[in-house]
Amino acid sequence: MRLSRTPVDITIIDRNNYHCFQPLLYQVATAALSPADIGYPIRSIFRRRKDVHVLMDELTGVDLERKVAIFPQGEANYDYLIIACGATYTYFG
């Protein structure tokens, strides 16, 4: 939210082209919701933002001294890097 008020370009890199709202996964598992109800294309979430770019890739490393993010297909320079590792779910038993 704070980045939306700053004059910066934002690049979101994810290996998936969708965002899954995990707190509702149990409702999909019990057929109360369709999977399409909790999965949203990342590009459509930010479609009105001209300063947000979405790329599908997977981060494999970071060179902090050179300020470079490393991907299987190459490298990208950055000024600031925010790494959001995501979340996983577990089944009890």
N, C-alpha and C. Protein backbone atom coordinates (compact mmCIF):
# COMPACT_ATOMS: atom_id res chain seq x y z
N MET A 1 0.82 -1.20 0.00
CA MET A 1 0.00 0.00 0.00
C MET A 1 0.86 1.26 0.00
N ARG A 2 1.95 1.24 0.77
CA ARG A 2 2.80 2.42 0.81
C ARG A 2 3.51 2.64 -0.51
N LEU A 3 3.86 1.57 -1.20
CA LEU A 3 4.52 1.72 -2.49
C LEU A 3 3.61 2.35 -3.53
N SER A 4 2.30 2.22 -3.34
CA SER A 4 1.37 2.80 -4.31
C SER A 4 1.41 4.32 -4.30
N ARG A 5 1.95 4.90 -3.25
CA ARG A 5 2.02 6.36 -3.14
C ARG A 5 3.41 6.90 -3.45
N THR A 6 4.29 6.06 -3.97
CA THR A 6 5.64 6.50 -4.28
C THR A 6 5.90 6.44 -5.78
N PRO A 7 6.76 7.30 -6.29
CA PRO A 7 7.04 7.30 -7.73
C PRO A 7 8.11 6.27 -8.11
N VAL A 8 7.76 4.99 -8.01
CA VAL A 8 8.71 3.92 -8.33
C VAL A 8 8.07 2.95 -9.32
N ASP A 9 8.92 2.24 -10.03
CA ASP A 9 8.45 1.13 -10.87
C ASP A 9 8.60 -0.14 -10.06
N ILE A 10 7.58 -0.98 -10.10
CA ILE A 10 7.56 -2.22 -9.33
C ILE A 10 7.50 -3.39 -10.29
N THR A 11 8.37 -4.37 -10.07
CA THR A 11 8.34 -5.60 -10.85
C THR A 11 8.05 -6.76 -9.90
N ILE A 12 6.98 -7.48 -10.19
CA ILE A 12 6.61 -8.66 -9.41
C ILE A 12 7.03 -9.88 -10.21
N ILE A 13 7.79 -10.76 -9.57
CA ILE A 13 8.26 -11.96 -10.24
C ILE A 13 7.74 -13.16 -9.45
N ASP A 14 7.05 -14.04 -10.14
CA ASP A 14 6.47 -15.22 -9.50
C ASP A 14 6.57 -16.38 -10.47
N ARG A 15 6.73 -17.58 -9.93
CA ARG A 15 6.79 -18.74 -10.81
C ARG A 15 5.39 -19.14 -11.30
N ASN A 16 4.36 -18.65 -10.63
CA ASN A 16 2.98 -18.91 -11.04
C ASN A 16 2.39 -17.63 -11.62
N ASN A 17 1.38 -17.77 -12.47
CA ASN A 17 0.74 -16.58 -13.02
C ASN A 17 -0.54 -16.24 -12.28
N TYR A 18 -0.67 -16.74 -11.06
CA TYR A 18 -1.88 -16.50 -10.27
C TYR A 18 -1.51 -16.33 -8.80
N HIS A 19 -2.42 -15.72 -8.05
CA HIS A 19 -2.31 -15.61 -6.60
C HIS A 19 -3.42 -16.45 -6.00
N CYS A 20 -3.08 -17.31 -5.06
CA CYS A 20 -4.08 -18.16 -4.41
C CYS A 20 -4.33 -17.64 -3.00
N PHE A 21 -5.58 -17.36 -2.68
CA PHE A 21 -5.94 -16.91 -1.34
C PHE A 21 -6.11 -18.15 -0.46
N GLN A 22 -5.03 -18.55 0.21
CA GLN A 22 -4.98 -19.82 0.91
C GLN A 22 -5.95 -20.00 2.08
N PRO A 23 -6.36 -18.94 2.79
CA PRO A 23 -7.30 -19.18 3.89
C PRO A 23 -8.62 -19.83 3.45
N LEU A 24 -8.96 -19.77 2.17
CA LEU A 24 -10.21 -20.37 1.70
C LEU A 24 -10.01 -21.72 1.02
N LEU A 25 -8.81 -22.29 1.08
CA LEU A 25 -8.56 -23.59 0.45
C LEU A 25 -9.48 -24.68 1.01
N TYR A 26 -9.78 -24.62 2.30
CA TYR A 26 -10.65 -25.64 2.88
C TYR A 26 -12.04 -25.62 2.26
N GLN A 27 -12.51 -24.44 1.85
CA GLN A 27 -13.83 -24.37 1.22
C GLN A 27 -13.82 -24.95 -0.18
N VAL A 28 -12.68 -24.86 -0.86
CA VAL A 28 -12.55 -25.53 -2.16
C VAL A 28 -12.52 -27.04 -1.95
N ALA A 29 -11.81 -27.49 -0.90
CA ALA A 29 -11.72 -28.91 -0.61
C ALA A 29 -13.07 -29.52 -0.25
N THR A 30 -13.96 -28.72 0.33
CA THR A 30 -15.28 -29.23 0.70
C THR A 30 -16.34 -28.88 -0.35
N ALA A 31 -15.90 -28.41 -1.51
CA ALA A 31 -16.77 -28.08 -2.65
C ALA A 31 -17.73 -26.93 -2.36
N ALA A 32 -17.42 -26.08 -1.38
CA ALA A 32 -18.24 -24.91 -1.11
C ALA A 32 -17.89 -23.76 -2.06
N LEU A 33 -16.65 -23.77 -2.58
CA LEU A 33 -16.20 -22.76 -3.52
C LEU A 33 -15.52 -23.43 -4.70
N SER A 34 -15.54 -22.76 -5.81
CA SER A 34 -14.80 -23.20 -6.99
C SER A 34 -13.35 -22.74 -6.85
N PRO A 35 -12.39 -23.49 -7.38
CA PRO A 35 -11.00 -23.02 -7.34
C PRO A 35 -10.83 -21.63 -7.97
N ALA A 36 -11.64 -21.31 -8.95
CA ALA A 36 -11.55 -19.99 -9.59
C ALA A 36 -11.94 -18.87 -8.62
N ASP A 37 -12.64 -19.19 -7.54
CA ASP A 37 -13.04 -18.18 -6.56
C ASP A 37 -11.90 -17.75 -5.64
N ILE A 38 -10.84 -18.54 -5.56
CA ILE A 38 -9.74 -18.17 -4.66
C ILE A 38 -8.42 -17.97 -5.41
N GLY A 39 -8.41 -18.20 -6.71
CA GLY A 39 -7.22 -17.98 -7.50
C GLY A 39 -7.44 -16.84 -8.47
N TYR A 40 -6.55 -15.87 -8.46
CA TYR A 40 -6.71 -14.69 -9.31
C TYR A 40 -5.44 -14.48 -10.13
N PRO A 41 -5.56 -14.18 -11.41
CA PRO A 41 -4.36 -13.87 -12.20
C PRO A 41 -3.67 -12.61 -11.65
N ILE A 42 -2.37 -12.71 -11.44
CA ILE A 42 -1.63 -11.58 -10.86
C ILE A 42 -1.74 -10.34 -11.74
N ARG A 43 -1.66 -10.53 -13.05
CA ARG A 43 -1.73 -9.37 -13.94
C ARG A 43 -3.07 -8.65 -13.82
N SER A 44 -4.14 -9.39 -13.59
CA SER A 44 -5.45 -8.72 -13.48
C SER A 44 -5.58 -7.97 -12.16
N ILE A 45 -4.90 -8.42 -11.12
CA ILE A 45 -4.93 -7.71 -9.84
C ILE A 45 -4.33 -6.31 -9.99
N PHE A 46 -3.27 -6.21 -10.80
CA PHE A 46 -2.56 -4.95 -10.96
C PHE A 46 -2.81 -4.29 -12.31
N ARG A 47 -3.87 -4.65 -13.00
CA ARG A 47 -4.10 -4.16 -14.36
C ARG A 47 -4.25 -2.65 -14.46
N ARG A 48 -4.68 -2.00 -13.41
CA ARG A 48 -4.85 -0.54 -13.45
C ARG A 48 -3.58 0.21 -13.06
N ARG A 49 -2.57 -0.51 -12.65
CA ARG A 49 -1.31 0.10 -12.21
C ARG A 49 -0.31 0.10 -13.35
N LYS A 50 0.00 1.27 -13.86
CA LYS A 50 0.97 1.40 -14.95
C LYS A 50 2.40 1.21 -14.47
N ASP A 51 2.61 1.32 -13.15
CA ASP A 51 3.97 1.20 -12.60
C ASP A 51 4.31 -0.21 -12.13
N VAL A 52 3.40 -1.16 -12.33
CA VAL A 52 3.63 -2.54 -11.89
C VAL A 52 3.78 -3.44 -13.11
N HIS A 53 4.85 -4.20 -13.12
CA HIS A 53 5.12 -5.16 -14.20
C HIS A 53 5.21 -6.55 -13.59
N VAL A 54 4.63 -7.53 -14.24
CA VAL A 54 4.61 -8.90 -13.72
C VAL A 54 5.37 -9.80 -14.68
N LEU A 55 6.30 -10.57 -14.13
CA LEU A 55 7.07 -11.53 -14.91
C LEU A 55 6.94 -12.91 -14.28
N MET A 56 6.87 -13.93 -15.13
CA MET A 56 6.87 -15.30 -14.62
C MET A 56 8.30 -15.83 -14.67
N ASP A 57 8.87 -16.09 -13.51
CA ASP A 57 10.21 -16.64 -13.41
C ASP A 57 10.40 -17.11 -11.97
N GLU A 58 11.57 -17.64 -11.69
CA GLU A 58 11.86 -18.13 -10.34
C GLU A 58 13.24 -17.62 -9.93
N LEU A 59 13.30 -16.96 -8.81
CA LEU A 59 14.55 -16.43 -8.30
C LEU A 59 15.43 -17.59 -7.84
N THR A 60 16.68 -17.61 -8.32
CA THR A 60 17.61 -18.67 -7.92
C THR A 60 18.74 -18.15 -7.06
N GLY A 61 18.93 -16.84 -7.03
CA GLY A 61 19.99 -16.28 -6.21
C GLY A 61 19.96 -14.77 -6.23
N VAL A 62 20.73 -14.17 -5.32
CA VAL A 62 20.83 -12.72 -5.23
C VAL A 62 22.29 -12.37 -4.97
N ASP A 63 22.82 -11.44 -5.75
CA ASP A 63 24.15 -10.91 -5.51
C ASP A 63 23.96 -9.55 -4.85
N LEU A 64 24.12 -9.50 -3.53
CA LEU A 64 23.84 -8.28 -2.78
C LEU A 64 24.83 -7.17 -3.10
N GLU A 65 26.08 -7.51 -3.36
CA GLU A 65 27.08 -6.48 -3.64
C GLU A 65 26.81 -5.77 -4.97
N ARG A 66 26.43 -6.53 -5.98
CA ARG A 66 26.15 -5.94 -7.30
C ARG A 66 24.70 -5.49 -7.45
N LYS A 67 23.84 -5.81 -6.47
CA LYS A 67 22.40 -5.53 -6.52
C LYS A 67 21.78 -6.16 -7.77
N VAL A 68 21.94 -7.47 -7.87
CA VAL A 68 21.46 -8.23 -9.02
C VAL A 68 20.66 -9.43 -8.52
N ALA A 69 19.47 -9.60 -9.08
CA ALA A 69 18.66 -10.79 -8.84
C ALA A 69 18.97 -11.79 -9.95
N ILE A 70 19.15 -13.05 -9.59
CA ILE A 70 19.58 -14.07 -10.55
C ILE A 70 18.42 -15.04 -10.81
N PHE A 71 18.15 -15.29 -12.09
CA PHE A 71 17.07 -16.17 -12.53
C PHE A 71 17.64 -17.20 -13.49
N PRO A 72 16.93 -18.30 -13.74
CA PRO A 72 17.43 -19.29 -14.70
C PRO A 72 17.71 -18.70 -16.08
N GLN A 73 16.95 -17.70 -16.48
CA GLN A 73 17.10 -17.12 -17.82
C GLN A 73 18.01 -15.89 -17.87
N GLY A 74 18.56 -15.47 -16.72
CA GLY A 74 19.42 -14.29 -16.73
C GLY A 74 19.41 -13.56 -15.41
N GLU A 75 19.77 -12.30 -15.47
CA GLU A 75 19.88 -11.46 -14.27
C GLU A 75 19.08 -10.17 -14.46
N ALA A 76 18.74 -9.55 -13.31
CA ALA A 76 18.04 -8.26 -13.34
C ALA A 76 18.60 -7.38 -12.23
N ASN A 77 18.91 -6.15 -12.57
CA ASN A 77 19.38 -5.18 -11.58
C ASN A 77 18.20 -4.66 -10.78
N TYR A 78 18.48 -4.25 -9.55
CA TYR A 78 17.42 -3.67 -8.71
C TYR A 78 18.01 -2.56 -7.85
N ASP A 79 17.15 -1.65 -7.44
CA ASP A 79 17.53 -0.63 -6.46
C ASP A 79 17.19 -1.12 -5.06
N TYR A 80 15.97 -1.64 -4.91
CA TYR A 80 15.51 -2.22 -3.65
C TYR A 80 14.89 -3.57 -3.98
N LEU A 81 15.10 -4.54 -3.11
CA LEU A 81 14.59 -5.88 -3.33
C LEU A 81 13.78 -6.33 -2.13
N ILE A 82 12.56 -6.72 -2.39
CA ILE A 82 11.70 -7.28 -1.35
C ILE A 82 11.44 -8.74 -1.73
N ILE A 83 11.82 -9.64 -0.85
CA ILE A 83 11.60 -11.06 -1.12
C ILE A 83 10.47 -11.55 -0.22
N ALA A 84 9.40 -11.99 -0.85
CA ALA A 84 8.26 -12.56 -0.12
C ALA A 84 8.25 -14.05 -0.44
N CYS A 85 8.61 -14.85 0.54
CA CYS A 85 8.79 -16.29 0.31
C CYS A 85 7.48 -17.05 0.20
N GLY A 86 6.38 -16.44 0.56
CA GLY A 86 5.10 -17.12 0.42
C GLY A 86 4.76 -17.95 1.63
N ALA A 87 3.82 -18.83 1.45
CA ALA A 87 3.34 -19.67 2.54
C ALA A 87 3.06 -21.07 2.00
N THR A 88 3.08 -22.02 2.89
CA THR A 88 2.70 -23.38 2.51
C THR A 88 1.62 -23.84 3.47
N TYR A 89 0.91 -24.82 3.05
CA TYR A 89 -0.14 -25.37 3.91
C TYR A 89 0.25 -26.77 4.32
N THR A 90 -0.40 -27.27 5.34
CA THR A 90 -0.08 -28.60 5.84
C THR A 90 -1.37 -29.34 6.12
N TYR A 91 -1.31 -30.63 6.01
CA TYR A 91 -2.45 -31.47 6.36
C TYR A 91 -2.14 -32.16 7.66
N PHE A 92 -3.01 -32.05 8.62
CA PHE A 92 -2.76 -32.60 9.94
C PHE A 92 -3.01 -34.10 9.93
N GLY A 93 -1.95 -34.84 9.97
CA GLY A 93 -2.04 -36.30 9.99
C GLY A 93 -2.13 -36.85 8.60
